[in-house]
């Protein structure tokens, strides 16, 4: 499991990212999302990224 991030940790990283970007007064970018570690092996990672974008609005 090297390189894997437990799901709860991804959630915490995503929430922190949304808060930081919101505090900076800007929209979330692909570069921002790329800082989150990709743990998905089932193909839902694009949907996770879109959910984070929606939360950042």
N, C-alpha and C. Protein backbone atom coordinates (compact mmCIF):
# COMPACT_ATOMS: atom_id res chain seq x y z
N UNK A 1 0.80 -1.19 0.00
CA UNK A 1 0.00 0.00 0.00
C UNK A 1 0.85 1.26 0.00
N UNK A 2 2.04 1.18 -0.45
CA UNK A 2 2.88 2.38 -0.53
C UNK A 2 2.26 3.40 -1.45
N UNK A 3 2.19 4.63 -0.99
CA UNK A 3 1.64 5.70 -1.80
C UNK A 3 0.15 5.87 -1.66
N UNK A 4 -0.52 4.92 -1.01
CA UNK A 4 -1.96 5.04 -0.82
C UNK A 4 -2.26 6.00 0.32
N UNK A 5 -3.36 6.69 0.21
CA UNK A 5 -3.82 7.60 1.26
C UNK A 5 -5.18 7.10 1.72
N UNK A 6 -5.35 6.90 3.03
CA UNK A 6 -6.67 6.48 3.51
C UNK A 6 -7.74 7.49 3.11
N UNK A 7 -8.94 7.02 2.84
CA UNK A 7 -10.01 7.87 2.35
C UNK A 7 -10.24 9.08 3.25
N UNK A 8 -10.27 8.91 4.54
CA UNK A 8 -10.48 10.02 5.45
C UNK A 8 -9.43 11.11 5.29
N UNK A 9 -8.21 10.72 5.00
CA UNK A 9 -7.14 11.69 4.81
C UNK A 9 -7.36 12.49 3.53
N UNK A 10 -7.83 11.85 2.48
CA UNK A 10 -8.14 12.57 1.25
C UNK A 10 -9.22 13.61 1.52
N UNK A 11 -10.25 13.22 2.28
CA UNK A 11 -11.31 14.17 2.62
C UNK A 11 -10.72 15.38 3.34
N UNK A 12 -9.87 15.15 4.32
CA UNK A 12 -9.27 16.26 5.07
C UNK A 12 -8.42 17.14 4.16
N UNK A 13 -7.67 16.52 3.25
CA UNK A 13 -6.87 17.28 2.31
C UNK A 13 -7.76 18.12 1.40
N UNK A 14 -8.85 17.54 0.94
CA UNK A 14 -9.76 18.25 0.04
C UNK A 14 -10.41 19.43 0.75
N UNK A 15 -10.87 19.23 1.98
CA UNK A 15 -11.49 20.32 2.74
C UNK A 15 -10.50 21.44 2.97
N UNK A 16 -9.27 21.09 3.33
CA UNK A 16 -8.25 22.10 3.57
C UNK A 16 -7.95 22.87 2.28
N UNK A 17 -7.90 22.18 1.17
CA UNK A 17 -7.65 22.83 -0.12
C UNK A 17 -8.77 23.80 -0.46
N UNK A 18 -10.02 23.38 -0.30
CA UNK A 18 -11.16 24.25 -0.59
C UNK A 18 -11.11 25.49 0.29
N UNK A 19 -10.84 25.31 1.56
CA UNK A 19 -10.75 26.46 2.48
C UNK A 19 -9.65 27.42 2.07
N UNK A 20 -8.49 26.88 1.73
CA UNK A 20 -7.36 27.74 1.35
C UNK A 20 -7.66 28.53 0.09
N UNK A 21 -8.19 27.85 -0.92
CA UNK A 21 -8.50 28.52 -2.19
C UNK A 21 -9.59 29.57 -1.98
N UNK A 22 -10.59 29.24 -1.19
CA UNK A 22 -11.66 30.21 -0.89
C UNK A 22 -11.11 31.42 -0.17
N UNK A 23 -10.23 31.19 0.80
CA UNK A 23 -9.63 32.30 1.55
C UNK A 23 -8.80 33.20 0.64
N UNK A 24 -8.21 32.61 -0.39
CA UNK A 24 -7.41 33.38 -1.34
C UNK A 24 -8.30 34.11 -2.34
N UNK A 25 -9.59 33.80 -2.34
CA UNK A 25 -10.54 34.48 -3.23
C UNK A 25 -10.38 34.11 -4.69
N UNK A 26 -10.06 32.87 -4.96
CA UNK A 26 -9.88 32.46 -6.35
C UNK A 26 -10.55 31.12 -6.60
N UNK A 27 -10.65 30.75 -7.87
CA UNK A 27 -11.23 29.47 -8.23
C UNK A 27 -10.18 28.37 -8.11
N UNK A 28 -10.64 27.18 -7.83
CA UNK A 28 -9.74 26.05 -7.73
C UNK A 28 -9.26 25.66 -9.14
N UNK A 29 -8.02 25.27 -9.25
CA UNK A 29 -7.44 24.93 -10.55
C UNK A 29 -7.06 23.46 -10.60
N UNK A 30 -6.76 22.98 -11.81
CA UNK A 30 -6.25 21.62 -11.94
C UNK A 30 -4.96 21.45 -11.16
N UNK A 31 -4.13 22.48 -11.15
CA UNK A 31 -2.87 22.40 -10.41
C UNK A 31 -3.14 22.22 -8.91
N UNK A 32 -4.16 22.91 -8.40
CA UNK A 32 -4.55 22.72 -7.00
C UNK A 32 -4.96 21.27 -6.75
N UNK A 33 -5.82 20.77 -7.62
CA UNK A 33 -6.31 19.40 -7.46
C UNK A 33 -5.20 18.37 -7.60
N UNK A 34 -4.20 18.69 -8.40
CA UNK A 34 -3.08 17.77 -8.59
C UNK A 34 -2.25 17.60 -7.31
N UNK A 35 -2.41 18.52 -6.35
CA UNK A 35 -1.67 18.38 -5.09
C UNK A 35 -2.27 17.29 -4.21
N UNK A 36 -3.52 16.88 -4.49
CA UNK A 36 -4.14 15.78 -3.76
C UNK A 36 -3.64 14.47 -4.34
N UNK A 37 -3.35 13.53 -3.48
CA UNK A 37 -2.84 12.25 -3.96
C UNK A 37 -3.97 11.42 -4.53
N UNK A 38 -3.74 10.84 -5.69
CA UNK A 38 -4.74 10.02 -6.37
C UNK A 38 -4.73 8.62 -5.78
N UNK A 39 -5.82 8.29 -5.08
CA UNK A 39 -5.90 6.97 -4.46
C UNK A 39 -6.91 6.06 -5.16
N UNK A 40 -7.63 6.60 -6.11
CA UNK A 40 -8.73 5.86 -6.73
C UNK A 40 -8.22 4.84 -7.74
N UNK A 41 -8.70 3.63 -7.59
CA UNK A 41 -8.37 2.59 -8.56
C UNK A 41 -9.62 2.11 -9.30
N UNK A 42 -10.77 2.76 -9.00
CA UNK A 42 -12.02 2.28 -9.59
C UNK A 42 -12.54 3.21 -10.67
N UNK A 43 -11.82 4.26 -11.00
CA UNK A 43 -12.24 5.15 -12.07
C UNK A 43 -13.10 6.32 -11.64
N UNK A 44 -13.29 6.51 -10.35
CA UNK A 44 -14.14 7.62 -9.91
C UNK A 44 -13.35 8.88 -9.60
N UNK A 45 -12.03 8.85 -9.76
CA UNK A 45 -11.23 10.02 -9.40
C UNK A 45 -11.68 11.29 -10.13
N UNK A 46 -12.02 11.24 -11.41
CA UNK A 46 -12.53 12.46 -12.06
C UNK A 46 -13.78 13.01 -11.38
N UNK A 47 -14.64 12.13 -10.89
CA UNK A 47 -15.83 12.60 -10.18
C UNK A 47 -15.48 13.20 -8.83
N UNK A 48 -14.47 12.65 -8.17
CA UNK A 48 -14.01 13.23 -6.90
C UNK A 48 -13.50 14.64 -7.15
N UNK A 49 -12.70 14.82 -8.20
CA UNK A 49 -12.17 16.15 -8.53
C UNK A 49 -13.31 17.13 -8.82
N UNK A 50 -14.33 16.68 -9.55
CA UNK A 50 -15.46 17.56 -9.87
C UNK A 50 -16.23 17.93 -8.60
N UNK A 51 -16.38 16.99 -7.69
CA UNK A 51 -17.07 17.27 -6.42
C UNK A 51 -16.30 18.32 -5.61
N UNK A 52 -14.99 18.23 -5.62
CA UNK A 52 -14.18 19.22 -4.91
C UNK A 52 -14.34 20.60 -5.56
N UNK A 53 -14.33 20.62 -6.90
CA UNK A 53 -14.56 21.89 -7.61
C UNK A 53 -15.91 22.49 -7.22
N UNK A 54 -16.95 21.67 -7.17
CA UNK A 54 -18.29 22.16 -6.80
C UNK A 54 -18.31 22.72 -5.40
N UNK A 55 -17.61 22.07 -4.49
CA UNK A 55 -17.57 22.51 -3.10
C UNK A 55 -16.84 23.84 -2.97
N UNK A 56 -15.94 24.11 -3.88
CA UNK A 56 -15.13 25.34 -3.80
C UNK A 56 -15.86 26.57 -4.33
N UNK A 57 -17.03 26.39 -4.92
CA UNK A 57 -17.76 27.53 -5.47
C UNK A 57 -18.35 28.40 -4.42
